Amino acid sequence: KVDQFNDLKGDLDSLIGGQNRVSNIVQYTSPKLAESVTLNAAFIPAEGTDVDQDGETEDGLADSISLSAVFDNKTFYAALAYDQNPLA
């Protein structure tokens, strides 16, 4: 896989935030439920430092939280996601 735009102006992250490549993420993906639904949850534990450089220390339970539900029955595919991301 090659990211042709990487972090250039054509990259999606230039238009909307939320691309954090962190190494300390906690993630859970459920087994497939009813043979078609998968649930995902992830969070980035708080660093206790000013990660986003806004002058305030990130000291909550999590710096970022992401949730999603995916429906895939081989005929239809749908996903619903939520991302609370103060780092963007």
PDB file of N, CA and C in Angstrom:
ATOM      1  N   LYS A   1       0.843  -1.179   0.000  1.00  0.00           N
ATOM      2  CA  LYS A   1       0.000   0.000   0.000  1.00  0.00           C
ATOM      3  C   LYS A   1       0.889   1.243   0.000  1.00  0.00           C
ATOM      4  N   VAL A   2       0.570   2.161  -0.861  1.00  0.00           N
ATOM      5  CA  VAL A   2       1.339   3.395  -0.967  1.00  0.00           C
ATOM      6  C   VAL A   2       0.400   4.581  -0.746  1.00  0.00           C
ATOM      7  N   ASP A   3       0.771   5.479   0.149  1.00  0.00           N
ATOM      8  CA  ASP A   3      -0.003   6.699   0.396  1.00  0.00           C
ATOM      9  C   ASP A   3       0.541   7.785  -0.515  1.00  0.00           C
ATOM     10  N   GLN A   4      -0.097   7.996  -1.665  1.00  0.00           N
ATOM     11  CA  GLN A   4       0.410   8.930  -2.664  1.00  0.00           C
ATOM     12  C   GLN A   4       0.426  10.375  -2.176  1.00  0.00           C
ATOM     13  N   PHE A   5      -0.503  10.713  -1.269  1.00  0.00           N
ATOM     14  CA  PHE A   5      -0.582  12.100  -0.817  1.00  0.00           C
ATOM     15  C   PHE A   5       0.138  12.331   0.510  1.00  0.00           C
ATOM     16  N   ASN A   6       0.407  11.261   1.243  1.00  0.00           N
ATOM     17  CA  ASN A   6       1.074  11.312   2.534  1.00  0.00           C
ATOM     18  C   ASN A   6       0.579  12.499   3.340  1.00  0.00           C
ATOM     19  N   ASP A   7       1.403  13.452   3.660  1.00  0.00           N
ATOM     20  CA  ASP A   7       0.967  14.630   4.413  1.00  0.00           C
ATOM     21  C   ASP A   7       1.043  15.886   3.557  1.00  0.00           C
ATOM     22  N   LEU A   8       0.783  15.765   2.287  1.00  0.00           N
ATOM     23  CA  LEU A   8       0.773  16.912   1.385  1.00  0.00           C
ATOM     24  C   LEU A   8      -0.592  17.582   1.411  1.00  0.00           C
ATOM     25  N   LYS A   9      -0.761  18.685   0.686  1.00  0.00           N
ATOM     26  CA  LYS A   9      -2.032  19.406   0.681  1.00  0.00           C
ATOM     27  C   LYS A   9      -3.176  18.588   0.108  1.00  0.00           C
ATOM     28  N   GLY A  10      -2.894  17.571  -0.706  1.00  0.00           N
ATOM     29  CA  GLY A  10      -3.933  16.718  -1.261  1.00  0.00           C
ATOM     30  C   GLY A  10      -4.414  15.646  -0.303  1.00  0.00           C
ATOM     31  N   ASP A  11      -3.768  15.497   0.842  1.00  0.00           N
ATOM     32  CA  ASP A  11      -4.144  14.483   1.815  1.00  0.00           C
ATOM     33  C   ASP A  11      -5.458  14.876   2.490  1.00  0.00           C
ATOM     34  N   LEU A  12      -6.288  13.890   2.789  1.00  0.00           N
ATOM     35  CA  LEU A  12      -7.568  14.135   3.432  1.00  0.00           C
ATOM     36  C   LEU A  12      -7.393  14.846   4.773  1.00  0.00           C
ATOM     37  N   ASP A  13      -6.297  14.602   5.460  1.00  0.00           N
ATOM     38  CA  ASP A  13      -6.061  15.252   6.748  1.00  0.00           C
ATOM     39  C   ASP A  13      -5.901  16.759   6.611  1.00  0.00           C
ATOM     40  N   SER A  14      -5.596  17.255   5.409  1.00  0.00           N
ATOM     41  CA  SER A  14      -5.522  18.699   5.184  1.00  0.00           C
ATOM     42  C   SER A  14      -6.907  19.322   5.197  1.00  0.00           C
ATOM     43  N   LEU A  15      -7.936  18.524   4.886  1.00  0.00           N
ATOM     44  CA  LEU A  15      -9.306  19.024   4.843  1.00  0.00           C
ATOM     45  C   LEU A  15     -10.040  18.825   6.156  1.00  0.00           C
ATOM     46  N   ILE A  16      -9.851  17.655   6.775  1.00  0.00           N
ATOM     47  CA  ILE A  16     -10.479  17.356   8.060  1.00  0.00           C
ATOM     48  C   ILE A  16      -9.418  16.742   8.965  1.00  0.00           C
ATOM     49  N   GLY A  17      -9.518  17.012  10.241  1.00  0.00           N
ATOM     50  CA  GLY A  17      -8.535  16.488  11.184  1.00  0.00           C
ATOM     51  C   GLY A  17      -8.859  15.067  11.597  1.00  0.00           C
ATOM     52  N   GLY A  18      -8.001  14.510  12.419  1.00  0.00           N
ATOM     53  CA  GLY A  18      -8.290  13.212  12.993  1.00  0.00           C
ATOM     54  C   GLY A  18      -7.328  12.115  12.618  1.00  0.00           C
ATOM     55  N   GLN A  19      -6.273  12.442  11.937  1.00  0.00           N
ATOM     56  CA  GLN A  19      -5.302  11.415  11.558  1.00  0.00           C
ATOM     57  C   GLN A  19      -4.184  11.402  12.587  1.00  0.00           C
ATOM     58  N   ASN A  20      -4.360  10.595  13.594  1.00  0.00           N
ATOM     59  CA  ASN A  20      -3.342  10.468  14.637  1.00  0.00           C
ATOM     60  C   ASN A  20      -2.706   9.099  14.537  1.00  0.00           C
ATOM     61  N   ARG A  21      -1.410   9.066  14.385  1.00  0.00           N
ATOM     62  CA  ARG A  21      -0.689   7.793  14.302  1.00  0.00           C
ATOM     63  C   ARG A  21       0.050   7.585  15.607  1.00  0.00           C
ATOM     64  N   VAL A  22      -0.678   7.077  16.581  1.00  0.00           N
ATOM     65  CA  VAL A  22      -0.133   6.918  17.924  1.00  0.00           C
ATOM     66  C   VAL A  22       0.274   5.475  18.150  1.00  0.00           C
ATOM     67  N   SER A  23       1.147   5.279  19.118  1.00  0.00           N
ATOM     68  CA  SER A  23       1.623   3.923  19.401  1.00  0.00           C
ATOM     69  C   SER A  23       1.027   3.366  20.686  1.00  0.00           C
ATOM     70  N   ASN A  24       0.203   4.139  21.374  1.00  0.00           N
ATOM     71  CA  ASN A  24      -0.328   3.681  22.658  1.00  0.00           C
ATOM     72  C   ASN A  24      -1.853   3.614  22.637  1.00  0.00           C
ATOM     73  N   ILE A  25      -2.408   2.950  21.653  1.00  0.00           N
ATOM     74  CA  ILE A  25      -3.853   2.857  21.523  1.00  0.00           C
ATOM     75  C   ILE A  25      -4.347   1.533  22.118  1.00  0.00           C
ATOM     76  N   VAL A  26      -5.515   1.579  22.756  1.00  0.00           N
ATOM     77  CA  VAL A  26      -6.161   0.380  23.278  1.00  0.00           C
ATOM     78  C   VAL A  26      -7.399   0.163  22.414  1.00  0.00           C
ATOM     79  N   GLN A  27      -7.506  -1.013  21.794  1.00  0.00           N
ATOM     80  CA  GLN A  27      -8.586  -1.260  20.849  1.00  0.00           C
ATOM     81  C   GLN A  27      -9.212  -2.619  21.083  1.00  0.00           C
ATOM     82  N   TYR A  28     -10.531  -2.698  20.864  1.00  0.00           N
ATOM     83  CA  TYR A  28     -11.250  -3.976  20.947  1.00  0.00           C
ATOM     84  C   TYR A  28     -12.149  -4.101  19.723  1.00  0.00           C
ATOM     85  N   THR A  29     -12.118  -5.244  19.086  1.00  0.00           N
ATOM     86  CA  THR A  29     -13.020  -5.579  17.997  1.00  0.00           C
ATOM     87  C   THR A  29     -13.765  -6.836  18.396  1.00  0.00           C
ATOM     88  N   SER A  30     -15.095  -6.754  18.377  1.00  0.00           N
ATOM     89  CA  SER A  30     -15.907  -7.889  18.803  1.00  0.00           C
ATOM     90  C   SER A  30     -15.892  -8.992  17.756  1.00  0.00           C
ATOM     91  N   PRO A  31     -16.194 -10.199  18.178  1.00  0.00           N
ATOM     92  CA  PRO A  31     -16.444 -11.240  17.187  1.00  0.00           C
ATOM     93  C   PRO A  31     -17.688 -10.834  16.383  1.00  0.00           C
ATOM     94  N   LYS A  32     -17.850 -11.397  15.209  1.00  0.00           N
ATOM     95  CA  LYS A  32     -19.000 -11.062  14.381  1.00  0.00           C
ATOM     96  C   LYS A  32     -20.278 -11.539  15.080  1.00  0.00           C
ATOM     97  N   LEU A  33     -21.215 -10.614  15.274  1.00  0.00           N
ATOM     98  CA  LEU A  33     -22.478 -10.904  15.944  1.00  0.00           C
ATOM     99  C   LEU A  33     -23.560 -11.174  14.897  1.00  0.00           C
ATOM    100  N   ALA A  34     -24.360 -12.180  15.092  1.00  0.00           N
ATOM    101  CA  ALA A  34     -25.443 -12.549  14.164  1.00  0.00           C
ATOM    102  C   ALA A  34     -24.924 -12.671  12.738  1.00  0.00           C
ATOM    103  N   GLU A  35     -23.690 -13.083  12.597  1.00  0.00           N
ATOM    104  CA  GLU A  35     -23.041 -13.303  11.309  1.00  0.00           C
ATOM    105  C   GLU A  35     -22.989 -12.074  10.408  1.00  0.00           C
ATOM    106  N   SER A  36     -23.170 -10.852  10.990  1.00  0.00           N
ATOM    107  CA  SER A  36     -23.135  -9.678  10.119  1.00  0.00           C
ATOM    108  C   SER A  36     -22.717  -8.376  10.797  1.00  0.00           C
ATOM    109  N   VAL A  37     -22.664  -8.309  12.117  1.00  0.00           N
ATOM    110  CA  VAL A  37     -22.359  -7.056  12.813  1.00  0.00           C
ATOM    111  C   VAL A  37     -21.065  -7.186  13.606  1.00  0.00           C
ATOM    112  N   THR A  38     -20.193  -6.207  13.451  1.00  0.00           N
ATOM    113  CA  THR A  38     -18.957  -6.142  14.218  1.00  0.00           C
ATOM    114  C   THR A  38     -18.914  -4.802  14.940  1.00  0.00           C
ATOM    115  N   LEU A  39     -18.560  -4.804  16.213  1.00  0.00           N
ATOM    116  CA  LEU A  39     -18.438  -3.590  17.005  1.00  0.00           C
ATOM    117  C   LEU A  39     -16.963  -3.333  17.298  1.00  0.00           C
ATOM    118  N   ASN A  40     -16.575  -2.062  17.220  1.00  0.00           N
ATOM    119  CA  ASN A  40     -15.185  -1.668  17.459  1.00  0.00           C
ATOM    120  C   ASN A  40     -15.154  -0.515  18.457  1.00  0.00           C
ATOM    121  N   ALA A  41     -14.197  -0.539  19.351  1.00  0.00           N
ATOM    122  CA  ALA A  41     -13.991   0.555  20.295  1.00  0.00           C
ATOM    123  C   ALA A  41     -12.490   0.748  20.470  1.00  0.00           C
ATOM    124  N   ALA A  42     -12.087   2.011  20.546  1.00  0.00           N
ATOM    125  CA  ALA A  42     -10.666   2.308  20.733  1.00  0.00           C
ATOM    126  C   ALA A  42     -10.518   3.600  21.522  1.00  0.00           C
ATOM    127  N   PHE A  43      -9.456   3.667  22.303  1.00  0.00           N
ATOM    128  CA  PHE A  43      -9.138   4.939  22.948  1.00  0.00           C
ATOM    129  C   PHE A  43      -7.636   5.088  23.109  1.00  0.00           C
ATOM    130  N   ILE A  44      -7.225   6.343  23.138  1.00  0.00           N
ATOM    131  CA  ILE A  44      -5.824   6.682  23.349  1.00  0.00           C
ATOM    132  C   ILE A  44      -5.714   7.172  24.784  1.00  0.00           C
ATOM    133  N   PRO A  45      -5.022   6.439  25.661  1.00  0.00           N
ATOM    134  CA  PRO A  45      -4.893   6.877  27.050  1.00  0.00           C
ATOM    135  C   PRO A  45      -4.263   8.269  27.139  1.00  0.00           C
ATOM    136  N   ALA A  46      -4.677   9.012  28.149  1.00  0.00           N
ATOM    137  CA  ALA A  46      -4.173  10.380  28.332  1.00  0.00           C
ATOM    138  C   ALA A  46      -2.664  10.381  28.518  1.00  0.00           C
ATOM    139  N   GLU A  47      -2.018  11.345  27.918  1.00  0.00           N
ATOM    140  CA  GLU A  47      -0.561  11.457  27.978  1.00  0.00           C
ATOM    141  C   GLU A  47      -0.078  12.245  29.187  1.00  0.00           C
ATOM    142  N   GLY A  48      -0.914  13.165  29.697  1.00  0.00           N
ATOM    143  CA  GLY A  48      -0.481  14.027  30.787  1.00  0.00           C
ATOM    144  C   GLY A  48       0.439  15.135  30.303  1.00  0.00           C
ATOM    145  N   THR A  49       0.488  15.336  28.994  1.00  0.00           N
ATOM    146  CA  THR A  49       1.284  16.411  28.408  1.00  0.00           C
ATOM    147  C   THR A  49       0.410  17.209  27.448  1.00  0.00           C
ATOM    148  N   ASP A  50       0.918  18.289  26.929  1.00  0.00           N
ATOM    149  CA  ASP A  50       0.182  19.129  25.981  1.00  0.00           C
ATOM    150  C   ASP A  50       0.406  18.601  24.566  1.00  0.00           C
ATOM    151  N   VAL A  51      -0.297  17.516  24.222  1.00  0.00           N
ATOM    152  CA  VAL A  51      -0.103  16.835  22.951  1.00  0.00           C
ATOM    153  C   VAL A  51      -0.474  17.721  21.766  1.00  0.00           C
ATOM    154  N   ASP A  52      -1.597  18.446  21.858  1.00  0.00           N
ATOM    155  CA  ASP A  52      -2.058  19.254  20.727  1.00  0.00           C
ATOM    156  C   ASP A  52      -1.523  20.686  20.753  1.00  0.00           C
ATOM    157  N   GLN A  53      -0.655  20.982  21.702  1.00  0.00           N
ATOM    158  CA  GLN A  53       0.030  22.273  21.806  1.00  0.00           C
ATOM    159  C   GLN A  53      -0.927  23.461  21.856  1.00  0.00           C
ATOM    160  N   ASP A  54      -2.015  23.290  22.659  1.00  0.00           N
ATOM    161  CA  ASP A  54      -2.959  24.396  22.839  1.00  0.00           C
ATOM    162  C   ASP A  54      -2.757  25.108  24.171  1.00  0.00           C
ATOM    163  N   GLY A  55      -1.716  24.737  24.914  1.00  0.00           N
ATOM    164  CA  GLY A  55      -1.423  25.359  26.190  1.00  0.00           C
ATOM    165  C   GLY A  55      -2.074  24.663  27.374  1.00  0.00           C
ATOM    166  N   GLU A  56      -2.853  23.597  27.125  1.00  0.00           N
ATOM    167  CA  GLU A  56      -3.520  22.864  28.194  1.00  0.00           C
ATOM    168  C   GLU A  56      -3.060  21.409  28.195  1.00  0.00           C
ATOM    169  N   THR A  57      -2.804  20.882  29.386  1.00  0.00           N
ATOM    170  CA  THR A  57      -2.362  19.495  29.526  1.00  0.00           C
ATOM    171  C   THR A  57      -3.525  18.536  29.291  1.00  0.00           C
ATOM    172  N   GLU A  58      -3.314  17.519  28.475  1.00  0.00           N
ATOM    173  CA  GLU A  58      -4.314  16.480  28.264  1.00  0.00           C
ATOM    174  C   GLU A  58      -4.203  15.498  29.425  1.00  0.00           C
ATOM    175  N   ASP A  59      -5.166  15.550  30.363  1.00  0.00           N
ATOM    176  CA  ASP A  59      -5.056  14.728  31.559  1.00  0.00           C
ATOM    177  C   ASP A  59      -6.347  13.982  31.880  1.00  0.00           C
ATOM    178  N   GLY A  60      -7.236  13.834  30.921  1.00  0.00           N
ATOM    179  CA  GLY A  60      -8.465  13.067  31.144  1.00  0.00           C
ATOM    180  C   GLY A  60      -8.191  11.580  31.039  1.00  0.00           C
ATOM    181  N   LEU A  61      -9.242  10.785  31.074  1.00  0.00           N
ATOM    182  CA  LEU A  61      -9.091   9.339  30.952  1.00  0.00           C
ATOM    183  C   LEU A  61      -8.501   8.968  29.591  1.00  0.00           C
ATOM    184  N   ALA A  62      -8.955   9.654  28.554  1.00  0.00           N
ATOM    185  CA  ALA A  62      -8.487   9.336  27.208  1.00  0.00           C
ATOM    186  C   ALA A  62      -8.323  10.605  26.393  1.00  0.00           C
ATOM    187  N   ASP A  63      -7.281  10.654  25.576  1.00  0.00           N
ATOM    188  CA  ASP A  63      -7.076  11.785  24.678  1.00  0.00           C
ATOM    189  C   ASP A  63      -8.020  11.698  23.488  1.00  0.00           C
ATOM    190  N   SER A  64      -8.445  10.505  23.123  1.00  0.00           N
ATOM    191  CA  SER A  64      -9.323  10.320  21.981  1.00  0.00           C
ATOM    192  C   SER A  64     -10.113   9.027  22.152  1.00  0.00           C
ATOM    193  N   ILE A  65     -11.371   9.034  21.694  1.00  0.00           N
ATOM    194  CA  ILE A  65     -12.228   7.855  21.757  1.00  0.00           C
ATOM    195  C   ILE A  65     -12.863   7.642  20.395  1.00  0.00           C
ATOM    196  N   SER A  66     -12.846   6.407  19.909  1.00  0.00           N
ATOM    197  CA  SER A  66     -13.468   6.065  18.628  1.00  0.00           C
ATOM    198  C   SER A  66     -14.344   4.831  18.809  1.00  0.00           C
ATOM    199  N   LEU A  67     -15.541   4.874  18.218  1.00  0.00           N
ATOM    200  CA  LEU A  67     -16.475   3.754  18.267  1.00  0.00           C
ATOM    201  C   LEU A  67     -17.036   3.521  16.873  1.00  0.00           C
ATOM    202  N   SER A  68     -17.302   2.283  16.527  1.00  0.00           N
ATOM    203  CA  SER A  68     -17.958   2.006  15.252  1.00  0.00           C
ATOM    204  C   SER A  68     -18.735   0.710  15.314  1.00  0.00           C
ATOM    205  N   ALA A  69     -19.761   0.650  14.472  1.00  0.00           N
ATOM    206  CA  ALA A  69     -20.547  -0.567  14.271  1.00  0.00           C
ATOM    207  C   ALA A  69     -20.581  -0.804  12.769  1.00  0.00           C
ATOM    208  N   VAL A  70     -20.264  -2.023  12.368  1.00  0.00           N
ATOM    209  CA  VAL A  70     -20.192  -2.363  10.949  1.00  0.00           C
ATOM    210  C   VAL A  70     -21.167  -3.504  10.663  1.00  0.00           C
ATOM    211  N   PHE A  71     -22.006  -3.304   9.641  1.00  0.00           N
ATOM    212  CA  PHE A  71     -22.928  -4.342   9.183  1.00  0.00           C
ATOM    213  C   PHE A  71     -22.455  -4.806   7.817  1.00  0.00           C
ATOM    214  N   ASP A  72     -22.220  -6.098   7.679  1.00  0.00           N
ATOM    215  CA  ASP A  72     -21.779  -6.650   6.399  1.00  0.00           C
ATOM    216  C   ASP A  72     -22.327  -8.066   6.268  1.00  0.00           C
ATOM    217  N   ASN A  73     -23.303  -8.238   5.366  1.00  0.00           N
ATOM    218  CA  ASN A  73     -23.867  -9.571   5.156  1.00  0.00           C
ATOM    219  C   ASN A  73     -23.578 -10.095   3.747  1.00  0.00           C
ATOM    220  N   LYS A  74     -22.507  -9.608   3.153  1.00  0.00           N
ATOM    221  CA  LYS A  74     -22.034  -9.981   1.816  1.00  0.00           C
ATOM    222  C   LYS A  74     -22.877  -9.349   0.697  1.00  0.00           C
ATOM    223  N   THR A  75     -24.092  -8.896   1.003  1.00  0.00           N
ATOM    224  CA  THR A  75     -24.912  -8.192   0.014  1.00  0.00           C
ATOM    225  C   THR A  75     -24.912  -6.695   0.296  1.00  0.00           C
ATOM    226  N   PHE A  76     -25.073  -6.337   1.565  1.00  0.00           N
ATOM    227  CA  PHE A  76     -25.095  -4.939   1.986  1.00  0.00           C
ATOM    228  C   PHE A  76     -23.966  -4.683   2.976  1.00  0.00           C
ATOM    229  N   TYR A  77     -23.416  -3.482   2.894  1.00  0.00           N
ATOM    230  CA  TYR A  77     -22.373  -3.053   3.824  1.00  0.00           C
ATOM    231  C   TYR A  77     -22.756  -1.671   4.328  1.00  0.00           C
ATOM    232  N   ALA A  78     -22.705  -1.478   5.627  1.00  0.00           N
ATOM    233  CA  ALA A  78     -22.980  -0.167   6.220  1.00  0.00           C
ATOM    234  C   ALA A  78     -22.128  -0.024   7.475  1.00  0.00           C
ATOM    235  N   ALA A  79     -21.742   1.190   7.771  1.00  0.00           N
ATOM    236  CA  ALA A  79     -20.962   1.446   8.972  1.00  0.00           C
ATOM    237  C   ALA A  79     -21.407   2.760   9.598  1.00  0.00           C
ATOM    238  N   LEU A  80     -21.392   2.798  10.900  1.00  0.00           N
ATOM    239  CA  LEU A  80     -21.711   3.986  11.665  1.00  0.00           C
ATOM    240  C   LEU A  80     -20.552   4.186  12.634  1.00  0.00           C
ATOM    241  N   ALA A  81     -20.007   5.397  12.662  1.00  0.00           N
ATOM    242  CA  ALA A  81     -18.831   5.625  13.499  1.00  0.00           C
ATOM    243  C   ALA A  81     -18.936   6.943  14.254  1.00  0.00           C
ATOM    244  N   TYR A  82     -18.234   6.999  15.379  1.00  0.00           N
ATOM    245  CA  TYR A  82     -18.141   8.206  16.209  1.00  0.00           C
ATOM    246  C   TYR A  82     -16.679   8.369  16.606  1.00  0.00           C
ATOM    247  N   ASP A  83     -16.188   9.601  16.523  1.00  0.00           N
ATOM    248  CA  ASP A  83     -14.809   9.863  16.915  1.00  0.00           C
ATOM    249  C   ASP A  83     -14.771  11.157  17.717  1.00  0.00           C
ATOM    250  N   GLN A  84     -14.390  11.075  18.971  1.00  0.00           N
ATOM    251  CA  GLN A  84     -14.199  12.239  19.820  1.00  0.00           C
ATOM    252  C   GLN A  84     -12.705  12.451  19.878  1.00  0.00           C
ATOM    253  N   ASN A  85     -12.242  13.505  19.235  1.00  0.00           N
ATOM    254  CA  ASN A  85     -10.817  13.649  19.010  1.00  0.00           C
ATOM    255  C   ASN A  85     -10.338  15.065  19.297  1.00  0.00           C
ATOM    256  N   PRO A  86     -10.007  15.377  20.541  1.00  0.00           N
ATOM    257  CA  PRO A  86      -9.526  16.715  20.848  1.00  0.00           C
ATOM    258  C   PRO A  86      -8.123  16.995  20.317  1.00  0.00           C
ATOM    259  N   LEU A  87      -7.459  15.971  19.768  1.00  0.00           N
ATOM    260  CA  LEU A  87      -6.109  16.180  19.257  1.00  0.00           C
ATOM    261  C   LEU A  87      -6.102  16.779  17.866  1.00  0.00           C
ATOM    262  N   ALA A  88      -7.243  16.738  17.165  1.00  0.00           N
ATOM    263  CA  ALA A  88      -7.283  17.209  15.770  1.00  0.00           C
ATOM    264  C   ALA A  88      -7.270  18.711  15.700  1.00  0.00           C
TER     265      ALA A  88
END
